[in-house]
C-alpha cells in the first residue's frame, strides 16, 4: 500500500560533507512526519550519510505527539548509521519537553546548525583515526607474526 503524499508539505533537506541538514519549518503533523521519515531514510541510505542535523529553529511549538514522532525518526536514522543531532531548539520548547517528561535521554542538541555539523564531523574524524590506528596495529601484528615464523624456521634449520 503506497501512501500519497502529494498534498503533504515537504521538509527541505540538503547535504554538506556527507551530513544531511533537514530544515524543519512546518508543523510536524502525522502525515508530514511520515513523508519526512520515508524521504529522509531513503536519502540516508542512498548517500551513506554519516549524520543528520535536525534544524528545528523554524518551530515555535512542539507538542508531545510531534516530539514522539520526531524521536522515532531520530532513532531510525541512528540505526542506519547516521548520527542525529538536533539544532535550534528554542528555550520554550526545551522547557516544555522537560515539563512533559519527554524521553530526551541520549539526544544530542546544539544551539546552532554549524555546531551540530561540527559535532558530527569531530566524531567522524575520531572514528577515522581509531580505524587507522587499528589497521596499523593489525599490520604490525602480522609483521611480528611473520618475523616470528621466519625466525622459528631459521632456528629449526640450524
C-alpha atoms as a PDB file:
ATOM      1  CA  UNK A   1       0.000   0.000   0.000  1.00  0.00           C
ATOM      2  CA  UNK A   2       1.593   3.264  -1.118  1.00  0.00           C
ATOM      3  CA  UNK A   3       0.848   6.458   0.765  1.00  0.00           C
ATOM      4  CA  UNK A   4       0.010   9.501  -1.347  1.00  0.00           C
ATOM      5  CA  UNK A   5       1.985  12.462  -0.029  1.00  0.00           C
ATOM      6  CA  UNK A   6       1.028  14.816  -2.864  1.00  0.00           C
ATOM      7  CA  UNK A   7      -0.680  17.392  -0.613  1.00  0.00           C
ATOM      8  CA  UNK A   8       1.671  16.949   2.364  1.00  0.00           C
ATOM      9  CA  UNK A   9       4.320  19.649   2.959  1.00  0.00           C
ATOM     10  CA  UNK A  10       7.876  18.533   2.311  1.00  0.00           C
ATOM     11  CA  UNK A  11      10.788  19.173   4.686  1.00  0.00           C
ATOM     12  CA  UNK A  12      13.788  20.678   2.911  1.00  0.00           C
ATOM     13  CA  UNK A  13      16.990  18.628   3.076  1.00  0.00           C
ATOM     14  CA  UNK A  14      20.451  19.360   1.792  1.00  0.00           C
ATOM     15  CA  UNK A  15      23.811  17.608   2.100  1.00  0.00           C
ATOM     16  CA  UNK A  16      27.026  19.140   3.301  1.00  0.00           C
ATOM     17  CA  UNK A  17      30.150  16.956   3.553  1.00  0.00           C
ATOM     18  CA  UNK A  18      28.163  13.738   3.977  1.00  0.00           C
ATOM     19  CA  UNK A  19      25.811  15.227   6.558  1.00  0.00           C
ATOM     20  CA  UNK A  20      22.138  15.789   5.826  1.00  0.00           C
ATOM     21  CA  UNK A  21      20.684  19.038   7.160  1.00  0.00           C
ATOM     22  CA  UNK A  22      16.899  18.850   7.469  1.00  0.00           C
ATOM     23  CA  UNK A  23      15.412  22.301   7.941  1.00  0.00           C
ATOM     24  CA  UNK A  24      12.055  21.805   9.619  1.00  0.00           C
ATOM     25  CA  UNK A  25       9.849  24.856   9.075  1.00  0.00           C
ATOM     26  CA  UNK A  26       6.369  23.337   9.339  1.00  0.00           C
ATOM     27  CA  UNK A  27       4.149  21.696  11.942  1.00  0.00           C
ATOM     28  CA  UNK A  28       5.106  18.046  12.421  1.00  0.00           C
ATOM     29  CA  UNK A  29       1.719  16.507  11.779  1.00  0.00           C
ATOM     30  CA  UNK A  30       1.472  12.749  11.372  1.00  0.00           C
ATOM     31  CA  UNK A  31       1.415  12.941   7.530  1.00  0.00           C
ATOM     32  CA  UNK A  32       4.367  15.383   7.483  1.00  0.00           C
ATOM     33  CA  UNK A  33       6.371  13.090   9.771  1.00  0.00           C
ATOM     34  CA  UNK A  34       5.505  10.033   7.668  1.00  0.00           C
ATOM     35  CA  UNK A  35       6.634  11.719   4.459  1.00  0.00           C
ATOM     36  CA  UNK A  36       9.752  13.103   6.137  1.00  0.00           C
ATOM     37  CA  UNK A  37      10.665   9.704   7.571  1.00  0.00           C
ATOM     38  CA  UNK A  38      10.294   7.982   4.193  1.00  0.00           C
ATOM     39  CA  UNK A  39      12.287  10.618   2.316  1.00  0.00           C
ATOM     40  CA  UNK A  40      14.994  11.012   4.963  1.00  0.00           C
ATOM     41  CA  UNK A  41      15.635   7.305   5.366  1.00  0.00           C
ATOM     42  CA  UNK A  42      15.840   6.807   1.606  1.00  0.00           C
ATOM     43  CA  UNK A  43      18.237   9.773   1.420  1.00  0.00           C
ATOM     44  CA  UNK A  44      20.457   8.415   4.238  1.00  0.00           C
ATOM     45  CA  UNK A  45      20.605   5.036   2.530  1.00  0.00           C
ATOM     46  CA  UNK A  46      21.270   6.469  -0.921  1.00  0.00           C
ATOM     47  CA  UNK A  47      24.171   8.761   0.029  1.00  0.00           C
ATOM     48  CA  UNK A  48      25.505   6.863   3.048  1.00  0.00           C
ATOM     49  CA  UNK A  49      25.187   9.916   5.299  1.00  0.00           C
ATOM     50  CA  UNK A  50      27.284   9.909   8.469  1.00  0.00           C
ATOM     51  CA  UNK A  51      24.905  12.240  10.285  1.00  0.00           C
ATOM     52  CA  UNK A  52      21.672  14.201  10.194  1.00  0.00           C
ATOM     53  CA  UNK A  53      21.130  17.651  11.636  1.00  0.00           C
ATOM     54  CA  UNK A  54      17.503  18.284  12.520  1.00  0.00           C
ATOM     55  CA  UNK A  55      17.276  22.085  12.383  1.00  0.00           C
ATOM     56  CA  UNK A  56      14.237  22.994  14.482  1.00  0.00           C
ATOM     57  CA  UNK A  57      14.869  26.748  14.573  1.00  0.00           C
ATOM     58  CA  UNK A  58      11.715  27.279  12.476  1.00  0.00           C
ATOM     59  CA  UNK A  59       9.482  25.517  15.006  1.00  0.00           C
ATOM     60  CA  UNK A  60       7.679  27.575  17.660  1.00  0.00           C
ATOM     61  CA  UNK A  61       5.590  24.807  19.224  1.00  0.00           C
ATOM     62  CA  UNK A  62       6.342  21.093  19.598  1.00  0.00           C
ATOM     63  CA  UNK A  63       3.759  19.005  21.438  1.00  0.00           C
ATOM     64  CA  UNK A  64       4.345  15.538  22.865  1.00  0.00           C
ATOM     65  CA  UNK A  65       2.845  13.729  19.853  1.00  0.00           C
ATOM     66  CA  UNK A  66       5.030  15.663  17.423  1.00  0.00           C
ATOM     67  CA  UNK A  67       8.100  15.127  19.593  1.00  0.00           C
ATOM     68  CA  UNK A  68       7.404  11.400  19.900  1.00  0.00           C
ATOM     69  CA  UNK A  69       7.109  11.127  16.107  1.00  0.00           C
ATOM     70  CA  UNK A  70      10.315  13.113  15.619  1.00  0.00           C
ATOM     71  CA  UNK A  71      12.075  10.962  18.209  1.00  0.00           C
ATOM     72  CA  UNK A  72      11.209   7.862  16.175  1.00  0.00           C
ATOM     73  CA  UNK A  73      12.772   9.431  13.077  1.00  0.00           C
ATOM     74  CA  UNK A  74      15.937  10.275  15.047  1.00  0.00           C
ATOM     75  CA  UNK A  75      16.177   6.709  16.386  1.00  0.00           C
ATOM     76  CA  UNK A  76      15.696   5.170  12.945  1.00  0.00           C
ATOM     77  CA  UNK A  77      18.313   7.483  11.423  1.00  0.00           C
ATOM     78  CA  UNK A  78      20.725   6.403  14.143  1.00  0.00           C
ATOM     79  CA  UNK A  79      20.053   2.736  13.413  1.00  0.00           C
ATOM     80  CA  UNK A  80      21.024   3.412   9.799  1.00  0.00           C
ATOM     81  CA  UNK A  81      24.381   4.734  10.977  1.00  0.00           C
ATOM     82  CA  UNK A  82      23.647   8.450  10.670  1.00  0.00           C
ATOM     83  CA  UNK A  83      24.310  10.323  13.911  1.00  0.00           C
ATOM     84  CA  UNK A  84      21.271  12.507  14.680  1.00  0.00           C
ATOM     85  CA  UNK A  85      21.815  15.933  16.253  1.00  0.00           C
ATOM     86  CA  UNK A  86      19.068  18.466  16.922  1.00  0.00           C
ATOM     87  CA  UNK A  87      19.826  22.158  16.497  1.00  0.00           C
ATOM     88  CA  UNK A  88      17.961  25.393  17.040  1.00  0.00           C
ATOM     89  CA  UNK A  89      15.504  24.404  19.762  1.00  0.00           C
ATOM     90  CA  UNK A  90      14.076  27.485  21.408  1.00  0.00           C
ATOM     91  CA  UNK A  91      14.046  27.696  25.223  1.00  0.00           C
ATOM     92  CA  UNK A  92      10.252  27.385  25.405  1.00  0.00           C
ATOM     93  CA  UNK A  93      10.278  24.049  23.583  1.00  0.00           C
ATOM     94  CA  UNK A  94      13.130  22.738  25.729  1.00  0.00           C
ATOM     95  CA  UNK A  95      11.262  23.747  28.876  1.00  0.00           C
ATOM     96  CA  UNK A  96       8.048  22.107  27.625  1.00  0.00           C
ATOM     97  CA  UNK A  97       9.821  18.858  26.804  1.00  0.00           C
ATOM     98  CA  UNK A  98      11.263  18.666  30.308  1.00  0.00           C
ATOM     99  CA  UNK A  99       7.909  19.521  31.931  1.00  0.00           C
ATOM    100  CA  UNK A 100       6.155  16.874  29.776  1.00  0.00           C
ATOM    101  CA  UNK A 101       8.742  14.271  30.851  1.00  0.00           C
ATOM    102  CA  UNK A 102       9.573  13.657  27.194  1.00  0.00           C
ATOM    103  CA  UNK A 103      12.167  10.972  26.520  1.00  0.00           C
ATOM    104  CA  UNK A 104      15.210  13.138  25.856  1.00  0.00           C
ATOM    105  CA  UNK A 105      17.780  10.589  27.054  1.00  0.00           C
ATOM    106  CA  UNK A 106      20.631  10.182  24.626  1.00  0.00           C
ATOM    107  CA  UNK A 107      19.600  13.099  22.424  1.00  0.00           C
ATOM    108  CA  UNK A 108      22.325  15.445  21.286  1.00  0.00           C
ATOM    109  CA  UNK A 109      21.476  19.081  20.709  1.00  0.00           C
ATOM    110  CA  UNK A 110      23.258  22.297  19.832  1.00  0.00           C
ATOM    111  CA  UNK A 111      22.118  25.885  19.566  1.00  0.00           C
ATOM    112  CA  UNK A 112      23.384  26.413  16.023  1.00  0.00           C
ATOM    113  CA  UNK A 113      23.317  24.220  12.908  1.00  0.00           C
ATOM    114  CA  UNK A 114      27.042  24.862  12.333  1.00  0.00           C
ATOM    115  CA  UNK A 115      27.802  23.476  15.808  1.00  0.00           C
ATOM    116  CA  UNK A 116      25.771  20.350  15.070  1.00  0.00           C
ATOM    117  CA  UNK A 117      27.698  19.791  11.829  1.00  0.00           C
ATOM    118  CA  UNK A 118      30.992  20.288  13.685  1.00  0.00           C
ATOM    119  CA  UNK A 119      29.931  17.781  16.352  1.00  0.00           C
ATOM    120  CA  UNK A 120      29.204  15.131  13.728  1.00  0.00           C
ATOM    121  CA  UNK A 121      32.431  15.906  11.805  1.00  0.00           C
ATOM    122  CA  UNK A 122      34.504  15.584  15.006  1.00  0.00           C
ATOM    123  CA  UNK A 123      33.090  12.152  15.720  1.00  0.00           C
ATOM    124  CA  UNK A 124      33.787  11.074  12.130  1.00  0.00           C
ATOM    125  CA  UNK A 125      37.398  12.275  12.372  1.00  0.00           C
ATOM    126  CA  UNK A 126      37.852  10.401  15.670  1.00  0.00           C
ATOM    127  CA  UNK A 127      36.362   7.296  14.058  1.00  0.00           C
ATOM    128  CA  UNK A 128      38.790   7.558  11.142  1.00  0.00           C
ATOM    129  CA  UNK A 129      41.773   7.958  13.487  1.00  0.00           C
ATOM    130  CA  UNK A 130      40.682   4.961  15.565  1.00  0.00           C
ATOM    131  CA  UNK A 131      40.197   2.843  12.431  1.00  0.00           C
ATOM    132  CA  UNK A 132      43.590   3.916  11.067  1.00  0.00           C
ATOM    133  CA  UNK A 133      45.282   3.062  14.378  1.00  0.00           C
ATOM    134  CA  UNK A 134      43.554  -0.328  14.446  1.00  0.00           C
ATOM    135  CA  UNK A 135      44.671  -1.067  10.891  1.00  0.00           C
ATOM    136  CA  UNK A 136      48.268  -0.082  11.721  1.00  0.00           C
ATOM    137  CA  UNK A 137      48.223  -2.305  14.839  1.00  0.00           C
ATOM    138  CA  UNK A 138      46.886  -5.229  12.806  1.00  0.00           C
ATOM    139  CA  UNK A 139      49.594  -4.689  10.177  1.00  0.00           C
ATOM    140  CA  UNK A 140      52.301  -4.541  12.908  1.00  0.00           C
ATOM    141  CA  UNK A 141      50.969  -7.750  14.483  1.00  0.00           C
ATOM    142  CA  UNK A 142      51.009  -9.528  11.127  1.00  0.00           C
ATOM    143  CA  UNK A 143      54.594  -8.381  10.558  1.00  0.00           C
ATOM    144  CA  UNK A 144      55.656  -9.599  14.013  1.00  0.00           C
ATOM    145  CA  UNK A 145      53.967 -12.948  13.352  1.00  0.00           C
ATOM    146  CA  UNK A 146      55.784 -13.298  10.036  1.00  0.00           C
ATOM    147  CA  UNK A 147      59.121 -12.412  11.672  1.00  0.00           C
ATOM    148  CA  UNK A 148      58.486 -14.940  14.463  1.00  0.00           C
ATOM    149  CA  UNK A 149      57.627 -17.667  11.934  1.00  0.00           C
ATOM    150  CA  UNK A 150      60.740 -16.842   9.882  1.00  0.00           C
ATOM    151  CA  UNK A 151      62.980 -16.857  12.999  1.00  0.00           C
ATOM    152  CA  UNK A 152      61.480 -20.167  14.201  1.00  0.00           C
ATOM    153  CA  UNK A 153      62.044 -21.814  10.828  1.00  0.00           C
ATOM    154  CA  UNK A 154      65.639 -20.475  10.698  1.00  0.00           C
ATOM    155  CA  UNK A 155      66.327 -21.843  14.196  1.00  0.00           C
ATOM    156  CA  UNK A 156      64.919 -25.268  13.230  1.00  0.00           C
ATOM    157  CA  UNK A 157      67.170 -25.455  10.157  1.00  0.00           C
ATOM    158  CA  UNK A 158      70.341 -24.957  12.236  1.00  0.00           C
END
